Amino acid sequence: MWKLAIALVISAGMGLAGCTATGAVAGGVAGHELTHGSTAGTVGGAVVGGVVGHELGK
């Protein structure tokens, strides 16, 4: 979980790219946890999180 916190702090000041990166990191962590470490779940979560972060950052 500390990795998520560090990534969120780093990407917070990056504007739209930061929102996309933050969403991707959060989605990847959530996907990893929800699918018990599945690679597909992690990648899928990162993709969905990145899209959501991008759209919310507009």
PDB file of N, CA and C in Angstrom:
ATOM      1  N   MET A   1       0.808  -1.197   0.000  1.00  0.00           N
ATOM      2  CA  MET A   1       0.000   0.000   0.000  1.00  0.00           C
ATOM      3  C   MET A   1       0.856   1.268   0.000  1.00  0.00           C
ATOM      4  N   TRP A   2       2.055   1.172   0.590  1.00  0.00           N
ATOM      5  CA  TRP A   2       2.909   2.344   0.626  1.00  0.00           C
ATOM      6  C   TRP A   2       3.360   2.743  -0.764  1.00  0.00           C
ATOM      7  N   LYS A   3       3.445   1.789  -1.685  1.00  0.00           N
ATOM      8  CA  LYS A   3       3.826   2.108  -3.056  1.00  0.00           C
ATOM      9  C   LYS A   3       2.769   2.983  -3.715  1.00  0.00           C
ATOM     10  N   LEU A   4       1.499   2.687  -3.429  1.00  0.00           N
ATOM     11  CA  LEU A   4       0.403   3.499  -3.958  1.00  0.00           C
ATOM     12  C   LEU A   4       0.503   4.919  -3.428  1.00  0.00           C
ATOM     13  N   ALA A   5       0.770   5.071  -2.144  1.00  0.00           N
ATOM     14  CA  ALA A   5       0.873   6.403  -1.551  1.00  0.00           C
ATOM     15  C   ALA A   5       2.006   7.205  -2.184  1.00  0.00           C
ATOM     16  N   ILE A   6       3.151   6.581  -2.392  1.00  0.00           N
ATOM     17  CA  ILE A   6       4.285   7.268  -3.009  1.00  0.00           C
ATOM     18  C   ILE A   6       3.955   7.670  -4.440  1.00  0.00           C
ATOM     19  N   ALA A   7       3.344   6.783  -5.191  1.00  0.00           N
ATOM     20  CA  ALA A   7       2.987   7.090  -6.586  1.00  0.00           C
ATOM     21  C   ALA A   7       1.977   8.223  -6.655  1.00  0.00           C
ATOM     22  N   LEU A   8       1.031   8.252  -5.731  1.00  0.00           N
ATOM     23  CA  LEU A   8       0.038   9.322  -5.727  1.00  0.00           C
ATOM     24  C   LEU A   8       0.674  10.667  -5.409  1.00  0.00           C
ATOM     25  N   VAL A   9       1.612  10.694  -4.494  1.00  0.00           N
ATOM     26  CA  VAL A   9       2.302  11.943  -4.156  1.00  0.00           C
ATOM     27  C   VAL A   9       3.134  12.437  -5.336  1.00  0.00           C
ATOM     28  N   ILE A  10       3.845  11.540  -5.991  1.00  0.00           N
ATOM     29  CA  ILE A  10       4.691  11.919  -7.122  1.00  0.00           C
ATOM     30  C   ILE A  10       3.860  12.457  -8.278  1.00  0.00           C
ATOM     31  N   SER A  11       2.738  11.806  -8.572  1.00  0.00           N
ATOM     32  CA  SER A  11       1.954  12.187  -9.739  1.00  0.00           C
ATOM     33  C   SER A  11       0.948  13.302  -9.459  1.00  0.00           C
ATOM     34  N   ALA A  12       0.845  13.742  -8.224  1.00  0.00           N
ATOM     35  CA  ALA A  12      -0.152  14.753  -7.874  1.00  0.00           C
ATOM     36  C   ALA A  12       0.075  16.081  -8.590  1.00  0.00           C
ATOM     37  N   GLY A  13       1.313  16.460  -8.817  1.00  0.00           N
ATOM     38  CA  GLY A  13       1.600  17.750  -9.424  1.00  0.00           C
ATOM     39  C   GLY A  13       1.827  17.702 -10.914  1.00  0.00           C
ATOM     40  N   MET A  14       1.357  16.685 -11.596  1.00  0.00           N
ATOM     41  CA  MET A  14       1.667  16.508 -13.010  1.00  0.00           C
ATOM     42  C   MET A  14       0.533  16.902 -13.952  1.00  0.00           C
ATOM     43  N   GLY A  15      -0.482  17.576 -13.488  1.00  0.00           N
ATOM     44  CA  GLY A  15      -1.577  17.980 -14.356  1.00  0.00           C
ATOM     45  C   GLY A  15      -2.366  16.783 -14.866  1.00  0.00           C
ATOM     46  N   LEU A  16      -2.799  16.854 -16.135  1.00  0.00           N
ATOM     47  CA  LEU A  16      -3.611  15.777 -16.720  1.00  0.00           C
ATOM     48  C   LEU A  16      -2.849  14.456 -16.763  1.00  0.00           C
ATOM     49  N   ALA A  17      -1.567  14.526 -17.076  1.00  0.00           N
ATOM     50  CA  ALA A  17      -0.759  13.295 -17.080  1.00  0.00           C
ATOM     51  C   ALA A  17      -0.719  12.691 -15.688  1.00  0.00           C
ATOM     52  N   GLY A  18      -0.692  13.540 -14.675  1.00  0.00           N
ATOM     53  CA  GLY A  18      -0.693  13.064 -13.297  1.00  0.00           C
ATOM     54  C   GLY A  18      -1.994  12.390 -12.937  1.00  0.00           C
ATOM     55  N   CYS A  19      -3.087  12.934 -13.425  1.00  0.00           N
ATOM     56  CA  CYS A  19      -4.393  12.315 -13.172  1.00  0.00           C
ATOM     57  C   CYS A  19      -4.465  10.944 -13.831  1.00  0.00           C
ATOM     58  N   THR A  20      -3.973  10.860 -15.042  1.00  0.00           N
ATOM     59  CA  THR A  20      -3.972   9.587 -15.758  1.00  0.00           C
ATOM     60  C   THR A  20      -3.078   8.573 -15.042  1.00  0.00           C
ATOM     61  N   ALA A  21      -1.886   9.016 -14.650  1.00  0.00           N
ATOM     62  CA  ALA A  21      -0.956   8.126 -13.957  1.00  0.00           C
ATOM     63  C   ALA A  21      -1.508   7.693 -12.606  1.00  0.00           C
ATOM     64  N   THR A  22      -2.095   8.626 -11.882  1.00  0.00           N
ATOM     65  CA  THR A  22      -2.677   8.302 -10.584  1.00  0.00           C
ATOM     66  C   THR A  22      -3.798   7.292 -10.732  1.00  0.00           C
ATOM     67  N   GLY A  23      -4.654   7.506 -11.715  1.00  0.00           N
ATOM     68  CA  GLY A  23      -5.743   6.560 -11.969  1.00  0.00           C
ATOM     69  C   GLY A  23      -5.225   5.184 -12.346  1.00  0.00           C
ATOM     70  N   ALA A  24      -4.167   5.161 -13.161  1.00  0.00           N
ATOM     71  CA  ALA A  24      -3.597   3.877 -13.583  1.00  0.00           C
ATOM     72  C   ALA A  24      -2.990   3.130 -12.402  1.00  0.00           C
ATOM     73  N   VAL A  25      -2.289   3.852 -11.549  1.00  0.00           N
ATOM     74  CA  VAL A  25      -1.686   3.210 -10.376  1.00  0.00           C
ATOM     75  C   VAL A  25      -2.769   2.693  -9.435  1.00  0.00           C
ATOM     76  N   ALA A  26      -3.751   3.539  -9.143  1.00  0.00           N
ATOM     77  CA  ALA A  26      -4.827   3.122  -8.242  1.00  0.00           C
ATOM     78  C   ALA A  26      -5.607   1.952  -8.829  1.00  0.00           C
ATOM     79  N   GLY A  27      -5.898   2.012 -10.118  1.00  0.00           N
ATOM     80  CA  GLY A  27      -6.610   0.918 -10.776  1.00  0.00           C
ATOM     81  C   GLY A  27      -5.812  -0.365 -10.798  1.00  0.00           C
ATOM     82  N   GLY A  28      -4.511  -0.252 -11.029  1.00  0.00           N
ATOM     83  CA  GLY A  28      -3.649  -1.431 -11.032  1.00  0.00           C
ATOM     84  C   GLY A  28      -3.587  -2.096  -9.668  1.00  0.00           C
ATOM     85  N   VAL A  29      -3.469  -1.279  -8.632  1.00  0.00           N
ATOM     86  CA  VAL A  29      -3.440  -1.828  -7.269  1.00  0.00           C
ATOM     87  C   VAL A  29      -4.783  -2.470  -6.929  1.00  0.00           C
ATOM     88  N   ALA A  30      -5.865  -1.785  -7.269  1.00  0.00           N
ATOM     89  CA  ALA A  30      -7.198  -2.340  -6.993  1.00  0.00           C
ATOM     90  C   ALA A  30      -7.420  -3.635  -7.768  1.00  0.00           C
ATOM     91  N   GLY A  31      -7.048  -3.647  -9.039  1.00  0.00           N
ATOM     92  CA  GLY A  31      -7.199  -4.856  -9.849  1.00  0.00           C
ATOM     93  C   GLY A  31      -6.368  -6.005  -9.319  1.00  0.00           C
ATOM     94  N   HIS A  32      -5.160  -5.696  -8.862  1.00  0.00           N
ATOM     95  CA  HIS A  32      -4.276  -6.717  -8.295  1.00  0.00           C
ATOM     96  C   HIS A  32      -4.895  -7.323  -7.037  1.00  0.00           C
ATOM     97  N   GLU A  33      -5.409  -6.470  -6.180  1.00  0.00           N
ATOM     98  CA  GLU A  33      -5.994  -6.942  -4.922  1.00  0.00           C
ATOM     99  C   GLU A  33      -7.300  -7.705  -5.155  1.00  0.00           C
ATOM    100  N   LEU A  34      -8.141  -7.201  -6.037  1.00  0.00           N
ATOM    101  CA  LEU A  34      -9.445  -7.838  -6.268  1.00  0.00           C
ATOM    102  C   LEU A  34      -9.330  -9.189  -6.956  1.00  0.00           C
ATOM    103  N   THR A  35      -8.269  -9.379  -7.748  1.00  0.00           N
ATOM    104  CA  THR A  35      -8.114 -10.647  -8.472  1.00  0.00           C
ATOM    105  C   THR A  35      -7.023 -11.519  -7.859  1.00  0.00           C
ATOM    106  N   HIS A  36      -6.613 -11.182  -6.643  1.00  0.00           N
ATOM    107  CA  HIS A  36      -5.626 -11.972  -5.899  1.00  0.00           C
ATOM    108  C   HIS A  36      -4.315 -12.143  -6.664  1.00  0.00           C
ATOM    109  N   GLY A  37      -3.841 -11.039  -7.265  1.00  0.00           N
ATOM    110  CA  GLY A  37      -2.538 -11.046  -7.919  1.00  0.00           C
ATOM    111  C   GLY A  37      -2.525 -11.441  -9.385  1.00  0.00           C
ATOM    112  N   SER A  38      -3.683 -11.568  -9.982  1.00  0.00           N
ATOM    113  CA  SER A  38      -3.757 -11.932 -11.395  1.00  0.00           C
ATOM    114  C   SER A  38      -3.137 -10.829 -12.262  1.00  0.00           C
ATOM    115  N   THR A  39      -2.308 -11.230 -13.211  1.00  0.00           N
ATOM    116  CA  THR A  39      -1.699 -10.263 -14.122  1.00  0.00           C
ATOM    117  C   THR A  39      -2.762  -9.559 -14.957  1.00  0.00           C
ATOM    118  N   ALA A  40      -3.726 -10.312 -15.451  1.00  0.00           N
ATOM    119  CA  ALA A  40      -4.792  -9.718 -16.257  1.00  0.00           C
ATOM    120  C   ALA A  40      -5.604  -8.724 -15.437  1.00  0.00           C
ATOM    121  N   GLY A  41      -5.865  -9.054 -14.194  1.00  0.00           N
ATOM    122  CA  GLY A  41      -6.613  -8.144 -13.318  1.00  0.00           C
ATOM    123  C   GLY A  41      -5.843  -6.862 -13.043  1.00  0.00           C
ATOM    124  N   THR A  42      -4.535  -6.992 -12.858  1.00  0.00           N
ATOM    125  CA  THR A  42      -3.694  -5.827 -12.603  1.00  0.00           C
ATOM    126  C   THR A  42      -3.644  -4.910 -13.826  1.00  0.00           C
ATOM    127  N   VAL A  43      -3.404  -5.493 -14.983  1.00  0.00           N
ATOM    128  CA  VAL A  43      -3.331  -4.707 -16.217  1.00  0.00           C
ATOM    129  C   VAL A  43      -4.693  -4.098 -16.548  1.00  0.00           C
ATOM    130  N   GLY A  44      -5.738  -4.897 -16.427  1.00  0.00           N
ATOM    131  CA  GLY A  44      -7.088  -4.389 -16.694  1.00  0.00           C
ATOM    132  C   GLY A  44      -7.455  -3.244 -15.770  1.00  0.00           C
ATOM    133  N   GLY A  45      -7.124  -3.385 -14.489  1.00  0.00           N
ATOM    134  CA  GLY A  45      -7.395  -2.315 -13.532  1.00  0.00           C
ATOM    135  C   GLY A  45      -6.622  -1.054 -13.849  1.00  0.00           C
ATOM    136  N   ALA A  46      -5.367  -1.218 -14.280  1.00  0.00           N
ATOM    137  CA  ALA A  46      -4.548  -0.058 -14.634  1.00  0.00           C
ATOM    138  C   ALA A  46      -5.112   0.666 -15.853  1.00  0.00           C
ATOM    139  N   VAL A  47      -5.560  -0.092 -16.831  1.00  0.00           N
ATOM    140  CA  VAL A  47      -6.131   0.517 -18.041  1.00  0.00           C
ATOM    141  C   VAL A  47      -7.404   1.288 -17.692  1.00  0.00           C
ATOM    142  N   VAL A  48      -8.295   0.648 -16.979  1.00  0.00           N
ATOM    143  CA  VAL A  48      -9.561   1.298 -16.605  1.00  0.00           C
ATOM    144  C   VAL A  48      -9.285   2.508 -15.707  1.00  0.00           C
ATOM    145  N   GLY A  49      -8.386   2.344 -14.748  1.00  0.00           N
ATOM    146  CA  GLY A  49      -8.051   3.460 -13.862  1.00  0.00           C
ATOM    147  C   GLY A  49      -7.432   4.622 -14.603  1.00  0.00           C
ATOM    148  N   GLY A  50      -6.583   4.346 -15.578  1.00  0.00           N
ATOM    149  CA  GLY A  50      -5.976   5.409 -16.369  1.00  0.00           C
ATOM    150  C   GLY A  50      -7.001   6.183 -17.182  1.00  0.00           C
ATOM    151  N   VAL A  51      -7.948   5.471 -17.757  1.00  0.00           N
ATOM    152  CA  VAL A  51      -9.012   6.135 -18.530  1.00  0.00           C
ATOM    153  C   VAL A  51      -9.871   7.000 -17.623  1.00  0.00           C
ATOM    154  N   VAL A  52     -10.248   6.453 -16.479  1.00  0.00           N
ATOM    155  CA  VAL A  52     -11.075   7.215 -15.536  1.00  0.00           C
ATOM    156  C   VAL A  52     -10.307   8.437 -15.028  1.00  0.00           C
ATOM    157  N   GLY A  53      -9.035   8.258 -14.665  1.00  0.00           N
ATOM    158  CA  GLY A  53      -8.233   9.388 -14.209  1.00  0.00           C
ATOM    159  C   GLY A  53      -8.093  10.463 -15.273  1.00  0.00           C
ATOM    160  N   HIS A  54      -7.915  10.044 -16.512  1.00  0.00           N
ATOM    161  CA  HIS A  54      -7.803  10.999 -17.625  1.00  0.00           C
ATOM    162  C   HIS A  54      -9.091  11.797 -17.793  1.00  0.00           C
ATOM    163  N   GLU A  55     -10.204  11.106 -17.759  1.00  0.00           N
ATOM    164  CA  GLU A  55     -11.489  11.786 -17.947  1.00  0.00           C
ATOM    165  C   GLU A  55     -11.821  12.717 -16.776  1.00  0.00           C
ATOM    166  N   LEU A  56     -11.496  12.297 -15.564  1.00  0.00           N
ATOM    167  CA  LEU A  56     -11.771  13.145 -14.405  1.00  0.00           C
ATOM    168  C   LEU A  56     -10.844  14.350 -14.348  1.00  0.00           C
ATOM    169  N   GLY A  57      -9.662  14.214 -14.930  1.00  0.00           N
ATOM    170  CA  GLY A  57      -8.692  15.309 -14.914  1.00  0.00           C
ATOM    171  C   GLY A  57      -8.936  16.386 -15.946  1.00  0.00           C
ATOM    172  N   LYS A  58      -9.849  16.159 -16.868  1.00  0.00           N
ATOM    173  CA  LYS A  58     -10.101  17.150 -17.923  1.00  0.00           C
ATOM    174  C   LYS A  58     -10.728  18.398 -17.367  1.00  0.00           C
TER     175      LYS A  58
END
